[in-house]
Amino acid sequence: MRLVATVLAALMTTACAGSSAAPSDTGVVVPPPAVDLPAGSRTSDVAILAGGCFWGVQAVYQHVTGVTSAVSGYAGGNETDAEYGAVSSGRTRHAESVRIVFDPRVVSYGRLLQIFFSVGHDPTELNRQGPDEGPQYRSAIFPAGDEQARVARAYIQQLNDGRVFPANVVTVVEPGREFFRAEDHHQDFLERNRSNSYIVVNDLPKLAALKRLFASEYRAKPVLVVGNR
């Protein structure tokens, strides 16, 4: 039993890490979306985003003012395949994703997308992100309705037309996909494992970039999953 526990612990801390030798990008502010959604009378909305390993994406949004929940999980495939062992094979259609609940009166959907494209990940990498390779690490937006899909597609077109990045944005918009929560040991991973080599190299720089480039949206105390099931 002790051997099994040791093996499981090792797998848990290397789940997203194909390698951790190369430092991640430090982020760059892209223009805000020309098309956004007004808050209206809503006090809560949901965004589902995929940008490589969910550890870093979750951590970024846990530190964004106006976000009330950020949960790691899987989107794009079926419920029967929504578990890490299957998703990591790259054959399930799932992408490692984060479900973000936010107050649109505080932070808009478009602003969340701006952070996604600026510091959350590199949207020009196809079916990979940094050291992690495979369609499960693709850049994707899973809109919650037609209006979010419209904003997401318009923003991708805006970034490509403006040649904001040295290569085209390859982020795909996949409507009508259900989100499935990931295993408990993937939740709040960065906050619990700040000295993990993968986190140090690939994800802590994202938080630093968020704080530097989006100072008005950054909050030091993250909103954690623990206790918010």
C-alpha atoms as a PDB file:
ATOM      1  CA  MET A   1       0.000   0.000   0.000  1.00  0.00           C
ATOM      2  CA  ARG A   2       2.854   2.385   0.806  1.00  0.00           C
ATOM      3  CA  LEU A   3       4.344   1.795  -2.667  1.00  0.00           C
ATOM      4  CA  VAL A   4       0.991   2.458  -4.336  1.00  0.00           C
ATOM      5  CA  ALA A   5       0.590   5.698  -2.386  1.00  0.00           C
ATOM      6  CA  THR A   6       4.084   6.805  -3.402  1.00  0.00           C
ATOM      7  CA  VAL A   7       3.403   6.111  -7.082  1.00  0.00           C
ATOM      8  CA  LEU A   8       0.069   7.959  -6.973  1.00  0.00           C
ATOM      9  CA  ALA A   9       1.704  10.960  -5.334  1.00  0.00           C
ATOM     10  CA  ALA A  10       4.383  11.065  -8.027  1.00  0.00           C
ATOM     11  CA  LEU A  11       1.791  10.877 -10.783  1.00  0.00           C
ATOM     12  CA  MET A  12      -0.254  13.616  -9.177  1.00  0.00           C
ATOM     13  CA  THR A  13       2.623  16.079  -9.107  1.00  0.00           C
ATOM     14  CA  THR A  14       3.667  15.408 -12.717  1.00  0.00           C
ATOM     15  CA  ALA A  15       0.223  15.075 -14.304  1.00  0.00           C
ATOM     16  CA  CYS A  16       0.522  18.123 -16.571  1.00  0.00           C
ATOM     17  CA  ALA A  17       4.274  18.109 -16.876  1.00  0.00           C
ATOM     18  CA  GLY A  18       5.746  16.770 -20.062  1.00  0.00           C
ATOM     19  CA  SER A  19       8.831  18.758 -19.087  1.00  0.00           C
ATOM     20  CA  SER A  20       9.556  21.801 -16.959  1.00  0.00           C
ATOM     21  CA  ALA A  21      12.883  22.908 -18.366  1.00  0.00           C
ATOM     22  CA  ALA A  22      11.740  25.875 -20.469  1.00  0.00           C
ATOM     23  CA  PRO A  23      10.297  28.963 -18.768  1.00  0.00           C
ATOM     24  CA  SER A  24       6.832  30.079 -19.786  1.00  0.00           C
ATOM     25  CA  ASP A  25       6.024  33.330 -21.539  1.00  0.00           C
ATOM     26  CA  THR A  26       5.621  36.339 -19.268  1.00  0.00           C
ATOM     27  CA  GLY A  27       2.503  37.607 -20.986  1.00  0.00           C
ATOM     28  CA  VAL A  28       1.587  40.611 -23.082  1.00  0.00           C
ATOM     29  CA  VAL A  29      -1.516  42.790 -22.931  1.00  0.00           C
ATOM     30  CA  VAL A  30      -3.619  42.404 -26.071  1.00  0.00           C
ATOM     31  CA  PRO A  31      -6.249  44.989 -27.071  1.00  0.00           C
ATOM     32  CA  PRO A  32      -9.623  44.638 -25.340  1.00  0.00           C
ATOM     33  CA  PRO A  33     -12.413  43.089 -27.399  1.00  0.00           C
ATOM     34  CA  ALA A  34     -14.306  45.503 -29.612  1.00  0.00           C
ATOM     35  CA  VAL A  35     -17.432  43.448 -28.891  1.00  0.00           C
ATOM     36  CA  ASP A  36     -18.360  42.591 -25.309  1.00  0.00           C
ATOM     37  CA  LEU A  37     -21.410  41.633 -23.268  1.00  0.00           C
ATOM     38  CA  PRO A  38     -23.073  44.239 -21.031  1.00  0.00           C
ATOM     39  CA  ALA A  39     -23.697  43.213 -17.438  1.00  0.00           C
ATOM     40  CA  GLY A  40     -27.386  44.038 -17.563  1.00  0.00           C
ATOM     41  CA  SER A  41     -29.234  42.820 -14.486  1.00  0.00           C
ATOM     42  CA  ARG A  42     -27.184  39.647 -14.107  1.00  0.00           C
ATOM     43  CA  THR A  43     -25.158  39.133 -10.949  1.00  0.00           C
ATOM     44  CA  SER A  44     -23.533  35.854 -11.991  1.00  0.00           C
ATOM     45  CA  ASP A  45     -22.366  34.284 -15.233  1.00  0.00           C
ATOM     46  CA  VAL A  46     -20.158  31.379 -16.333  1.00  0.00           C
ATOM     47  CA  ALA A  47     -17.184  31.132 -18.691  1.00  0.00           C
ATOM     48  CA  ILE A  48     -15.407  27.892 -19.611  1.00  0.00           C
ATOM     49  CA  LEU A  49     -11.882  28.203 -20.997  1.00  0.00           C
ATOM     50  CA  ALA A  50      -9.123  25.768 -21.951  1.00  0.00           C
ATOM     51  CA  GLY A  51      -5.520  26.839 -22.340  1.00  0.00           C
ATOM     52  CA  GLY A  52      -3.164  23.974 -21.581  1.00  0.00           C
ATOM     53  CA  CYS A  53      -2.731  22.449 -18.139  1.00  0.00           C
ATOM     54  CA  PHE A  54      -5.659  23.515 -15.987  1.00  0.00           C
ATOM     55  CA  TRP A  55      -3.465  24.152 -12.938  1.00  0.00           C
ATOM     56  CA  GLY A  56      -2.198  27.487 -14.248  1.00  0.00           C
ATOM     57  CA  VAL A  57      -5.430  28.623 -15.882  1.00  0.00           C
ATOM     58  CA  GLN A  58      -7.348  27.958 -12.679  1.00  0.00           C
ATOM     59  CA  ALA A  59      -4.793  29.842 -10.607  1.00  0.00           C
ATOM     60  CA  VAL A  60      -4.917  32.907 -12.861  1.00  0.00           C
ATOM     61  CA  TYR A  61      -8.684  33.272 -12.560  1.00  0.00           C
ATOM     62  CA  GLN A  62      -8.679  32.544  -8.851  1.00  0.00           C
ATOM     63  CA  HIS A  63      -6.779  35.824  -8.538  1.00  0.00           C
ATOM     64  CA  VAL A  64      -9.099  37.903 -10.743  1.00  0.00           C
ATOM     65  CA  THR A  65     -11.405  40.361  -8.992  1.00  0.00           C
ATOM     66  CA  GLY A  66     -15.038  39.581  -9.749  1.00  0.00           C
ATOM     67  CA  VAL A  67     -14.471  35.844 -10.117  1.00  0.00           C
ATOM     68  CA  THR A  68     -16.353  33.911  -7.443  1.00  0.00           C
ATOM     69  CA  SER A  69     -15.297  30.394  -8.457  1.00  0.00           C
ATOM     70  CA  ALA A  70     -12.706  28.763 -10.715  1.00  0.00           C
ATOM     71  CA  VAL A  71     -12.841  24.961 -10.949  1.00  0.00           C
ATOM     72  CA  SER A  72     -10.566  22.665 -12.946  1.00  0.00           C
ATOM     73  CA  GLY A  73     -12.214  20.054 -15.118  1.00  0.00           C
ATOM     74  CA  TYR A  74     -12.820  18.653 -18.569  1.00  0.00           C
ATOM     75  CA  ALA A  75     -14.928  19.903 -21.490  1.00  0.00           C
ATOM     76  CA  GLY A  76     -15.428  18.796 -25.070  1.00  0.00           C
ATOM     77  CA  GLY A  77     -16.101  15.094 -24.598  1.00  0.00           C
ATOM     78  CA  ASN A  78     -18.492  12.699 -22.920  1.00  0.00           C
ATOM     79  CA  GLU A  79     -19.174  12.169 -19.227  1.00  0.00           C
ATOM     80  CA  THR A  80     -17.912   8.575 -19.390  1.00  0.00           C
ATOM     81  CA  ASP A  81     -14.443   9.819 -20.404  1.00  0.00           C
ATOM     82  CA  ALA A  82     -14.238  12.737 -17.969  1.00  0.00           C
ATOM     83  CA  GLU A  83     -11.388  11.486 -15.806  1.00  0.00           C
ATOM     84  CA  TYR A  84      -7.696  12.281 -15.950  1.00  0.00           C
ATOM     85  CA  GLY A  85      -6.438   8.860 -17.016  1.00  0.00           C
ATOM     86  CA  ALA A  86      -8.666   8.862 -20.095  1.00  0.00           C
ATOM     87  CA  VAL A  87      -8.293  12.550 -20.940  1.00  0.00           C
ATOM     88  CA  SER A  88      -4.494  12.360 -20.804  1.00  0.00           C
ATOM     89  CA  SER A  89      -4.566   9.824 -23.649  1.00  0.00           C
ATOM     90  CA  GLY A  90      -5.655  12.605 -26.006  1.00  0.00           C
ATOM     91  CA  ARG A  91      -8.412  10.427 -27.476  1.00  0.00           C
ATOM     92  CA  THR A  92     -11.487  11.619 -25.570  1.00  0.00           C
ATOM     93  CA  ARG A  93     -12.179  14.993 -27.260  1.00  0.00           C
ATOM     94  CA  HIS A  94     -11.909  16.572 -23.806  1.00  0.00           C
ATOM     95  CA  ALA A  95      -9.648  19.519 -23.085  1.00  0.00           C
ATOM     96  CA  GLU A  96      -8.345  20.365 -19.639  1.00  0.00           C
ATOM     97  CA  SER A  97     -10.586  23.314 -18.829  1.00  0.00           C
ATOM     98  CA  VAL A  98     -11.613  25.736 -16.117  1.00  0.00           C
ATOM     99  CA  ARG A  99     -15.173  26.717 -15.274  1.00  0.00           C
ATOM    100  CA  ILE A 100     -15.207  30.331 -14.124  1.00  0.00           C
ATOM    101  CA  VAL A 101     -18.148  31.855 -12.282  1.00  0.00           C
ATOM    102  CA  PHE A 102     -17.998  35.645 -12.274  1.00  0.00           C
ATOM    103  CA  ASP A 103     -19.957  38.775 -11.505  1.00  0.00           C
ATOM    104  CA  PRO A 104     -20.396  40.597 -14.842  1.00  0.00           C
ATOM    105  CA  ARG A 105     -20.979  43.860 -12.955  1.00  0.00           C
ATOM    106  CA  VAL A 106     -17.364  43.648 -11.758  1.00  0.00           C
ATOM    107  CA  VAL A 107     -15.545  41.938 -14.617  1.00  0.00           C
ATOM    108  CA  SER A 108     -16.970  41.393 -18.081  1.00  0.00           C
ATOM    109  CA  TYR A 109     -16.826  38.270 -20.217  1.00  0.00           C
ATOM    110  CA  GLY A 110     -14.676  40.155 -22.706  1.00  0.00           C
ATOM    111  CA  ARG A 111     -12.233  41.156 -19.983  1.00  0.00           C
ATOM    112  CA  LEU A 112     -11.903  37.514 -18.948  1.00  0.00           C
ATOM    113  CA  LEU A 113     -11.088  36.680 -22.564  1.00  0.00           C
ATOM    114  CA  GLN A 114      -8.532  39.489 -22.701  1.00  0.00           C
ATOM    115  CA  ILE A 115      -6.797  37.981 -19.662  1.00  0.00           C
ATOM    116  CA  PHE A 116      -7.053  34.534 -21.276  1.00  0.00           C
ATOM    117  CA  PHE A 117      -5.254  35.706 -24.411  1.00  0.00           C
ATOM    118  CA  SER A 118      -2.780  37.942 -22.577  1.00  0.00           C
ATOM    119  CA  VAL A 119      -1.487  35.901 -19.642  1.00  0.00           C
ATOM    120  CA  GLY A 120      -3.539  32.705 -19.384  1.00  0.00           C
ATOM    121  CA  HIS A 121      -1.751  30.881 -22.196  1.00  0.00           C
ATOM    122  CA  ASP A 122      -0.260  31.205 -25.687  1.00  0.00           C
ATOM    123  CA  PRO A 123      -3.224  31.110 -28.109  1.00  0.00           C
ATOM    124  CA  THR A 124      -0.991  30.532 -31.143  1.00  0.00           C
ATOM    125  CA  GLU A 125       0.102  27.041 -30.076  1.00  0.00           C
ATOM    126  CA  LEU A 126      -1.901  24.266 -31.739  1.00  0.00           C
ATOM    127  CA  ASN A 127      -2.798  21.232 -29.623  1.00  0.00           C
ATOM    128  CA  ARG A 128      -0.125  21.979 -27.074  1.00  0.00           C
ATOM    129  CA  GLN A 129       0.878  24.504 -24.455  1.00  0.00           C
ATOM    130  CA  GLY A 130       4.488  24.838 -23.421  1.00  0.00           C
ATOM    131  CA  PRO A 131       5.800  21.389 -22.461  1.00  0.00           C
ATOM    132  CA  ASP A 132       2.367  19.724 -22.694  1.00  0.00           C
ATOM    133  CA  GLU A 133       1.318  18.204 -26.011  1.00  0.00           C
ATOM    134  CA  GLY A 134      -1.930  16.751 -27.319  1.00  0.00           C
ATOM    135  CA  PRO A 135      -5.474  17.898 -28.139  1.00  0.00           C
ATOM    136  CA  GLN A 136      -6.341  17.764 -24.434  1.00  0.00           C
ATOM    137  CA  TYR A 137      -4.129  20.866 -24.082  1.00  0.00           C
ATOM    138  CA  ARG A 138      -5.711  22.795 -26.966  1.00  0.00           C
ATOM    139  CA  SER A 139      -6.713  26.423 -26.736  1.00  0.00           C
ATOM    140  CA  ALA A 140     -10.512  26.457 -26.639  1.00  0.00           C
ATOM    141  CA  ILE A 141     -13.489  28.500 -25.541  1.00  0.00           C
ATOM    142  CA  PHE A 142     -16.692  26.702 -24.575  1.00  0.00           C
ATOM    143  CA  PRO A 143     -19.335  29.443 -24.738  1.00  0.00           C
ATOM    144  CA  ALA A 144     -22.426  29.364 -22.544  1.00  0.00           C
ATOM    145  CA  GLY A 145     -24.816  30.445 -25.267  1.00  0.00           C
ATOM    146  CA  ASP A 146     -24.900  32.250 -28.586  1.00  0.00           C
ATOM    147  CA  GLU A 147     -23.895  35.661 -27.231  1.00  0.00           C
ATOM    148  CA  GLN A 148     -20.679  34.383 -25.669  1.00  0.00           C
ATOM    149  CA  ALA A 149     -19.914  32.513 -28.884  1.00  0.00           C
ATOM    150  CA  ARG A 150     -20.420  35.703 -30.885  1.00  0.00           C
ATOM    151  CA  VAL A 151     -18.078  37.687 -28.633  1.00  0.00           C
ATOM    152  CA  ALA A 152     -15.418  34.945 -28.651  1.00  0.00           C
ATOM    153  CA  ARG A 153     -15.407  34.541 -32.438  1.00  0.00           C
ATOM    154  CA  ALA A 154     -15.353  38.288 -33.024  1.00  0.00           C
ATOM    155  CA  TYR A 155     -12.435  38.678 -30.630  1.00  0.00           C
ATOM    156  CA  ILE A 156     -10.378  35.942 -32.288  1.00  0.00           C
ATOM    157  CA  GLN A 157     -11.025  37.585 -35.660  1.00  0.00           C
ATOM    158  CA  GLN A 158     -10.052  40.978 -34.220  1.00  0.00           C
ATOM    159  CA  LEU A 159      -6.747  39.639 -32.868  1.00  0.00           C
ATOM    160  CA  ASN A 160      -5.903  37.900 -36.135  1.00  0.00           C
ATOM    161  CA  ASP A 161      -6.900  40.852 -38.325  1.00  0.00           C
ATOM    162  CA  GLY A 162      -4.790  43.135 -36.136  1.00  0.00           C
ATOM    163  CA  ARG A 163      -1.795  40.778 -36.282  1.00  0.00           C
ATOM    164  CA  VAL A 164      -1.489  41.091 -32.521  1.00  0.00           C
ATOM    165  CA  PHE A 165       0.562  37.890 -32.304  1.00  0.00           C
ATOM    166  CA  PRO A 166       3.406  36.784 -34.593  1.00  0.00           C
ATOM    167  CA  ALA A 167       1.222  33.842 -35.659  1.00  0.00           C
ATOM    168  CA  ASN A 168      -2.520  33.363 -35.975  1.00  0.00           C
ATOM    169  CA  VAL A 169      -4.646  32.632 -32.941  1.00  0.00           C
ATOM    170  CA  VAL A 170      -5.672  28.967 -33.180  1.00  0.00           C
ATOM    171  CA  THR A 171      -8.203  29.036 -30.335  1.00  0.00           C
ATOM    172  CA  VAL A 172     -11.335  27.098 -31.247  1.00  0.00           C
ATOM    173  CA  VAL A 173     -14.862  27.984 -30.142  1.00  0.00           C
ATOM    174  CA  GLU A 174     -16.828  24.874 -29.216  1.00  0.00           C
ATOM    175  CA  PRO A 175     -20.441  25.596 -28.243  1.00  0.00           C
ATOM    176  CA  GLY A 176     -22.788  23.149 -26.560  1.00  0.00           C
ATOM    177  CA  ARG A 177     -20.166  21.266 -24.558  1.00  0.00           C
ATOM    178  CA  GLU A 178     -20.712  20.163 -20.990  1.00  0.00           C
ATOM    179  CA  PHE A 179     -18.165  20.722 -18.237  1.00  0.00           C
ATOM    180  CA  PHE A 180     -17.138  17.992 -15.808  1.00  0.00           C
ATOM    181  CA  ARG A 181     -15.272  18.699 -12.591  1.00  0.00           C
ATOM    182  CA  ALA A 182     -11.757  17.226 -12.308  1.00  0.00           C
ATOM    183  CA  GLU A 183     -10.507  15.090  -9.466  1.00  0.00           C
ATOM    184  CA  ASP A 184     -10.035  16.759  -6.089  1.00  0.00           C
ATOM    185  CA  HIS A 185      -6.232  16.564  -6.172  1.00  0.00           C
ATOM    186  CA  HIS A 186      -6.208  18.829  -9.248  1.00  0.00           C
ATOM    187  CA  GLN A 187      -8.169  21.592  -7.509  1.00  0.00           C
ATOM    188  CA  ASP A 188      -6.237  24.573  -6.083  1.00  0.00           C
ATOM    189  CA  PHE A 189      -3.078  22.789  -7.236  1.00  0.00           C
ATOM    190  CA  LEU A 190      -0.889  25.858  -7.547  1.00  0.00           C
ATOM    191  CA  GLU A 191      -1.882  27.212  -4.158  1.00  0.00           C
ATOM    192  CA  ARG A 192      -1.026  23.873  -2.523  1.00  0.00           C
ATOM    193  CA  ASN A 193       2.166  23.210  -4.508  1.00  0.00           C
ATOM    194  CA  ARG A 194       3.981  26.502  -5.071  1.00  0.00           C
ATOM    195  CA  SER A 195       7.396  24.844  -4.902  1.00  0.00           C
ATOM    196  CA  ASN A 196       6.526  22.197  -7.519  1.00  0.00           C
ATOM    197  CA  SER A 197       9.028  22.573 -10.381  1.00  0.00           C
ATOM    198  CA  TYR A 198       6.334  22.620 -13.073  1.00  0.00           C
ATOM    199  CA  ILE A 199       4.405  25.301 -11.201  1.00  0.00           C
ATOM    200  CA  VAL A 200       7.518  27.395 -10.595  1.00  0.00           C
ATOM    201  CA  VAL A 201       8.547  27.385 -14.246  1.00  0.00           C
ATOM    202  CA  ASN A 202       5.220  27.396 -16.060  1.00  0.00           C
ATOM    203  CA  ASP A 203       2.529  28.870 -13.849  1.00  0.00           C
ATOM    204  CA  LEU A 204       3.907  31.289 -11.260  1.00  0.00           C
ATOM    205  CA  PRO A 205       5.073  33.571 -14.119  1.00  0.00           C
ATOM    206  CA  LYS A 206       1.428  33.764 -15.246  1.00  0.00           C
ATOM    207  CA  LEU A 207       0.389  35.082 -11.857  1.00  0.00           C
ATOM    208  CA  ALA A 208       3.238  37.590 -11.917  1.00  0.00           C
ATOM    209  CA  ALA A 209       2.124  38.732 -15.374  1.00  0.00           C
ATOM    210  CA  LEU A 210      -1.487  39.053 -14.220  1.00  0.00           C
ATOM    211  CA  LYS A 211      -0.405  41.221 -11.301  1.00  0.00           C
ATOM    212  CA  ARG A 212       1.840  43.343 -13.504  1.00  0.00           C
ATOM    213  CA  LEU A 213      -0.355  43.741 -16.571  1.00  0.00           C
ATOM    214  CA  PHE A 214      -3.819  43.687 -15.012  1.00  0.00           C
ATOM    215  CA  ALA A 215      -3.160  45.387 -11.692  1.00  0.00           C
ATOM    216  CA  SER A 216      -6.725  46.668 -11.363  1.00  0.00           C
ATOM    217  CA  GLU A 217      -8.132  43.148 -11.753  1.00  0.00           C
ATOM    218  CA  TYR A 218      -5.554  41.334  -9.614  1.00  0.00           C
ATOM    219  CA  ARG A 219      -6.367  40.300  -6.063  1.00  0.00           C
ATOM    220  CA  ALA A 220      -3.789  38.777  -3.762  1.00  0.00           C
ATOM    221  CA  LYS A 221      -6.148  36.391  -1.975  1.00  0.00           C
ATOM    222  CA  PRO A 222      -7.415  33.688  -4.366  1.00  0.00           C
ATOM    223  CA  VAL A 223     -10.906  32.254  -4.359  1.00  0.00           C
ATOM    224  CA  LEU A 224     -10.319  28.565  -3.694  1.00  0.00           C
ATOM    225  CA  VAL A 225     -12.361  25.470  -4.516  1.00  0.00           C
ATOM    226  CA  VAL A 226     -11.904  23.896  -1.069  1.00  0.00           C
ATOM    227  CA  GLY A 227     -15.106  24.404   0.861  1.00  0.00           C
ATOM    228  CA  ASN A 228     -17.019  25.591  -2.248  1.00  0.00           C
ATOM    229  CA  ARG A 229     -18.201  22.325  -3.747  1.00  0.00           C
END
